[in-house]
Amino acid sequence: MSDFTGKTIIITGAGKGIGRACVELFTHRGARIIALSRSRADLDHLAQEFGATVVSVDLADNAAARDAMKKAGLADALINCAGTNVLESVLGMTEEGYEQVLGINLRAALICAQEFARARIANGGGGTIVNVTSIAGHRGFSDHVAYAASKAGLEGATRVMAKELGAHGIRVNAIAPTVTMTELAAKAWSEPSKRDPMMVRHPMERFAEVDDIARSIAMLISEDAAMISGAVLPVDGGFLAV
């Protein structure tokens, strides 16, 4: 088990789901956490339970996202967990839905990564970024057109970041989870007619838990992954293999 004592980690979307699981895991492994979230109540809870330094921000606001990263300051790692979805088909896609999904899932992640990298380079380089994407960037799911575009786009950007930032000692990778049992997902996939056809495509016969994703992120941030950059790691129970 990797130890992160003395490390500072910025986590976006830290209030719920995978982001919150990352706060808990990395805190227990010794890291100092800087948690970014829109929900003041969630941030207060993270500060009280885990001692996180918290920054309230709506990442859909470009200027606010930059300001939040500057407030966060220099860190050893950035985990871009913040994400959203609006279920719309190709023919039913709205400008509002597209802007909301792409704004949070892609543009905000790029802004946060840019500000993180600038701070690292000004301090001599080094550090690592993990972007949370999705198997939806690899397979076509109905009503996920903007979401799929955002996640596939972030994976492409991950490879460019790895290429451009590698000379500064900054590693950049992505994690592509399958259906992950956040509170929201548990409700969305509870109906057997929706759950069962998806479940049968998972050789491990289960969906992911948030801790599965957090532990995989920890592996990519750790020194055990010192030569891994530009990779997209599916955490999918074998879904993409079959």
Protein backbone atom coordinates (compact mmCIF):
# COMPACT_ATOMS: atom_id res chain seq x y z
CA MET A 1 0.00 0.00 0.00
CA SER A 2 1.48 3.34 -1.07
CA ASP A 3 2.04 6.01 1.54
CA PHE A 4 1.45 9.68 0.68
CA THR A 5 2.69 11.29 3.87
CA GLY A 6 3.97 14.78 3.14
CA LYS A 7 2.15 15.00 -0.21
CA THR A 8 -0.49 17.59 -1.09
CA ILE A 9 -3.27 16.49 -3.44
CA ILE A 10 -5.93 18.66 -5.10
CA ILE A 11 -9.21 16.83 -5.77
CA THR A 12 -12.01 18.38 -7.82
CA GLY A 13 -15.56 17.15 -7.39
CA ALA A 14 -14.48 16.18 -3.88
CA GLY A 15 -17.85 16.34 -2.20
CA LYS A 16 -19.43 13.17 -3.52
CA GLY A 17 -18.81 9.87 -5.26
CA ILE A 18 -15.32 9.07 -6.53
CA GLY A 19 -13.98 12.44 -5.40
CA ARG A 20 -15.07 11.90 -1.82
CA ALA A 21 -13.67 8.37 -1.84
CA CYS A 22 -10.35 9.83 -2.96
CA VAL A 23 -10.41 12.36 -0.12
CA GLU A 24 -10.93 9.55 2.38
CA LEU A 25 -8.34 7.18 0.93
CA PHE A 26 -5.56 9.72 0.49
CA THR A 27 -6.20 11.24 3.92
CA HIS A 28 -5.87 7.82 5.51
CA ARG A 29 -2.61 7.33 3.61
CA GLY A 30 -1.12 10.52 4.97
CA ALA A 31 -1.77 13.16 2.32
CA ARG A 32 -2.91 16.72 2.86
CA ILE A 33 -6.06 17.27 0.80
CA ILE A 34 -7.26 20.40 -0.95
CA ALA A 35 -10.90 19.70 -1.82
CA LEU A 36 -12.76 21.62 -4.54
CA SER A 37 -16.55 21.38 -4.72
CA ARG A 38 -19.59 23.53 -5.41
CA SER A 39 -21.47 22.36 -2.32
CA ARG A 40 -20.65 24.29 0.84
CA ALA A 41 -22.26 21.59 2.98
CA ASP A 42 -20.08 18.88 1.43
CA LEU A 43 -16.96 20.98 1.90
CA ASP A 44 -17.77 21.66 5.54
CA HIS A 45 -18.16 17.93 6.09
CA LEU A 46 -14.82 17.17 4.41
CA ALA A 47 -13.08 19.78 6.53
CA GLN A 48 -14.57 18.43 9.74
CA GLU A 49 -14.15 14.70 9.06
CA PHE A 50 -10.86 14.65 7.17
CA GLY A 51 -9.22 17.98 7.95
CA ALA A 52 -9.24 18.91 4.26
CA THR A 53 -8.49 22.41 3.10
CA VAL A 54 -11.61 23.34 1.15
CA VAL A 55 -12.32 25.66 -1.77
CA SER A 56 -15.89 26.39 -2.85
CA VAL A 57 -16.15 26.82 -6.62
CA ASP A 58 -18.52 26.36 -9.54
CA LEU A 59 -16.18 24.86 -12.11
CA ALA A 60 -18.58 25.78 -14.90
CA ASP A 61 -17.31 29.33 -14.41
CA ASN A 62 -13.94 29.53 -16.18
CA ALA A 63 -12.59 32.46 -14.17
CA ALA A 64 -13.77 30.90 -10.91
CA ALA A 65 -12.04 27.64 -11.81
CA ARG A 66 -8.75 29.45 -12.38
CA ASP A 67 -9.10 31.43 -9.18
CA ALA A 68 -9.87 28.25 -7.21
CA MET A 69 -6.73 26.54 -8.50
CA LYS A 70 -4.65 29.58 -7.63
CA LYS A 71 -6.14 29.52 -4.12
CA ALA A 72 -5.30 25.83 -3.91
CA GLY A 73 -1.68 26.64 -4.68
CA LEU A 74 1.19 24.27 -5.28
CA ALA A 75 0.41 20.57 -4.91
CA ASP A 76 2.04 17.25 -5.73
CA ALA A 77 -0.95 15.82 -7.58
CA LEU A 78 -4.24 16.82 -9.17
CA ILE A 79 -7.18 14.46 -9.47
CA ASN A 80 -9.84 15.77 -11.87
CA CYS A 81 -12.96 14.03 -10.55
CA ALA A 82 -15.59 16.71 -11.15
CA GLY A 83 -18.19 15.55 -13.64
CA THR A 84 -21.80 15.79 -14.67
CA ASN A 85 -24.19 14.35 -17.24
CA VAL A 86 -27.33 15.39 -19.04
CA LEU A 87 -29.08 12.45 -20.70
CA GLU A 88 -29.78 13.55 -24.26
CA SER A 89 -29.85 11.71 -27.58
CA VAL A 90 -28.09 12.85 -30.73
CA LEU A 91 -31.33 14.25 -32.15
CA GLY A 92 -32.49 15.62 -28.82
CA MET A 93 -29.24 17.30 -27.75
CA THR A 94 -29.68 20.88 -26.54
CA GLU A 95 -27.14 23.66 -26.47
CA GLU A 96 -27.71 23.99 -22.73
CA GLY A 97 -27.04 20.30 -22.11
CA TYR A 98 -23.95 20.29 -24.30
CA GLU A 99 -22.47 23.37 -22.63
CA GLN A 100 -23.14 22.03 -19.15
CA VAL A 101 -21.55 18.65 -19.77
CA LEU A 102 -18.60 19.80 -21.85
CA GLY A 103 -18.02 22.77 -19.57
CA ILE A 104 -17.59 20.67 -16.43
CA ASN A 105 -16.23 17.41 -17.80
CA LEU A 106 -13.73 18.77 -20.30
CA ARG A 107 -13.12 22.53 -20.18
CA ALA A 108 -12.89 22.74 -16.38
CA ALA A 109 -10.56 19.74 -16.26
CA LEU A 110 -8.28 21.39 -18.81
CA ILE A 111 -8.25 24.66 -16.89
CA CYS A 112 -7.45 22.91 -13.61
CA ALA A 113 -4.69 20.86 -15.25
CA GLN A 114 -3.24 23.96 -16.89
CA GLU A 115 -3.08 25.91 -13.63
CA PHE A 116 -1.66 22.90 -11.77
CA ALA A 117 1.05 22.46 -14.41
CA ARG A 118 1.94 26.16 -14.46
CA ALA A 119 2.41 26.12 -10.68
CA ARG A 120 4.52 22.96 -10.84
CA ILE A 121 6.75 24.28 -13.62
CA ALA A 122 7.26 27.57 -11.78
CA ASN A 123 8.45 25.48 -8.82
CA GLY A 124 10.84 23.34 -10.84
CA GLY A 125 8.51 20.72 -12.28
CA GLY A 126 7.41 17.26 -11.18
CA GLY A 127 4.00 16.10 -10.04
CA THR A 128 1.20 14.08 -11.53
CA ILE A 129 -2.32 14.51 -12.89
CA VAL A 130 -5.05 11.88 -13.07
CA ASN A 131 -8.15 12.65 -15.15
CA VAL A 132 -11.29 10.61 -14.45
CA THR A 133 -12.94 9.67 -17.75
CA SER A 134 -15.33 6.79 -18.53
CA ILE A 135 -15.89 3.68 -20.61
CA ALA A 136 -18.52 5.87 -22.31
CA GLY A 137 -15.61 7.36 -24.20
CA HIS A 138 -14.94 3.90 -25.68
CA ARG A 139 -18.41 2.44 -26.27
CA GLY A 140 -21.62 4.01 -27.51
CA PHE A 141 -24.36 4.34 -24.89
CA SER A 142 -27.74 5.79 -25.83
CA ASP A 143 -28.47 9.31 -24.58
CA HIS A 144 -24.81 9.92 -23.72
CA VAL A 145 -23.70 11.93 -26.76
CA ALA A 146 -22.28 14.97 -24.95
CA TYR A 147 -20.97 12.88 -22.07
CA ALA A 148 -19.15 10.50 -24.42
CA ALA A 149 -17.68 13.44 -26.34
CA SER A 150 -16.45 15.03 -23.11
CA LYS A 151 -14.79 11.87 -21.81
CA ALA A 152 -13.21 10.87 -25.12
CA GLY A 153 -12.00 14.45 -25.46
CA LEU A 154 -10.42 14.37 -22.02
CA GLU A 155 -8.59 11.16 -22.89
CA GLY A 156 -7.20 12.78 -26.03
CA ALA A 157 -6.14 15.80 -24.00
CA THR A 158 -4.50 13.49 -21.45
CA ARG A 159 -2.18 12.17 -24.14
CA VAL A 160 -1.30 15.69 -25.30
CA MET A 161 -0.63 16.76 -21.71
CA ALA A 162 1.63 13.75 -21.19
CA LYS A 163 3.61 14.66 -24.30
CA GLU A 164 3.96 18.37 -23.57
CA LEU A 165 4.48 18.20 -19.80
CA GLY A 166 6.72 15.15 -19.66
CA ALA A 167 9.85 17.28 -20.17
CA HIS A 168 8.93 19.07 -16.93
CA GLY A 169 8.65 15.80 -15.02
CA ILE A 170 4.85 15.92 -14.87
CA ARG A 171 3.07 12.61 -15.49
CA VAL A 172 -0.51 12.66 -16.80
CA ASN A 173 -2.83 9.65 -16.96
CA ALA A 174 -6.54 8.88 -17.09
CA ILE A 175 -8.79 6.40 -15.33
CA ALA A 176 -11.82 5.13 -17.29
CA PRO A 177 -14.34 3.58 -14.86
CA THR A 178 -17.31 1.44 -15.70
CA VAL A 179 -20.63 2.04 -13.95
CA THR A 180 -19.57 3.05 -10.44
CA MET A 181 -21.87 2.69 -7.47
CA THR A 182 -22.21 6.23 -6.34
CA GLU A 183 -25.52 7.09 -4.70
CA LEU A 184 -26.79 8.51 -7.97
CA ALA A 185 -25.67 5.54 -10.05
CA ALA A 186 -27.16 3.04 -7.62
CA LYS A 187 -30.57 4.58 -8.24
CA ALA A 188 -30.05 4.85 -11.98
CA TRP A 189 -29.02 1.19 -12.39
CA SER A 190 -31.38 -0.41 -9.87
CA GLU A 191 -34.00 -1.31 -12.49
CA PRO A 192 -33.28 -4.91 -13.63
CA SER A 193 -34.22 -4.23 -17.25
CA LYS A 194 -31.44 -1.65 -17.41
CA ARG A 195 -28.96 -3.27 -15.02
CA ASP A 196 -28.96 -6.88 -16.23
CA PRO A 197 -27.96 -6.35 -19.92
CA MET A 198 -25.09 -4.16 -18.75
CA MET A 199 -24.01 -6.48 -15.95
CA VAL A 200 -23.74 -9.50 -18.24
CA ARG A 201 -21.02 -7.66 -20.20
CA HIS A 202 -18.81 -7.52 -17.09
CA PRO A 203 -16.67 -10.68 -16.71
CA MET A 204 -16.26 -9.93 -13.00
CA GLU A 205 -20.07 -9.87 -12.69
CA ARG A 206 -20.29 -6.62 -10.76
CA PHE A 207 -20.10 -2.88 -11.19
CA ALA A 208 -17.32 -0.83 -9.59
CA GLU A 209 -17.40 0.68 -6.13
CA VAL A 210 -15.99 4.15 -5.53
CA ASP A 211 -13.13 2.61 -3.53
CA ASP A 212 -12.12 0.54 -6.58
CA ILE A 213 -11.59 3.74 -8.52
CA ALA A 214 -9.86 5.60 -5.69
CA ARG A 215 -7.35 2.77 -5.18
CA SER A 216 -6.58 2.68 -8.90
CA ILE A 217 -5.97 6.43 -8.87
CA ALA A 218 -3.64 5.97 -5.89
CA MET A 219 -1.65 3.44 -7.89
CA LEU A 220 -1.17 5.89 -10.77
CA ILE A 221 -0.13 8.70 -8.43
CA SER A 222 2.32 6.52 -6.49
CA GLU A 223 6.01 6.09 -7.23
CA ASP A 224 5.18 2.56 -8.36
CA ALA A 225 3.86 4.17 -11.55
CA ALA A 226 6.88 6.43 -12.10
CA MET A 227 7.23 5.38 -15.76
CA ILE A 228 3.51 5.48 -16.61
CA SER A 229 2.31 8.57 -18.45
CA GLY A 230 -0.18 9.15 -21.25
CA ALA A 231 -2.07 5.98 -20.34
CA VAL A 232 -5.80 5.40 -20.05
CA LEU A 233 -6.49 2.70 -17.47
CA PRO A 234 -9.91 1.04 -17.72
CA VAL A 235 -11.27 0.12 -14.28
CA ASP A 236 -14.15 -1.86 -15.67
CA GLY A 237 -14.08 -5.46 -14.48
CA GLY A 238 -13.14 -6.56 -18.00
CA PHE A 239 -16.01 -4.76 -19.78
CA LEU A 240 -13.85 -3.42 -22.64
CA ALA A 241 -12.13 -6.79 -23.10
CA VAL A 242 -15.25 -8.60 -24.34
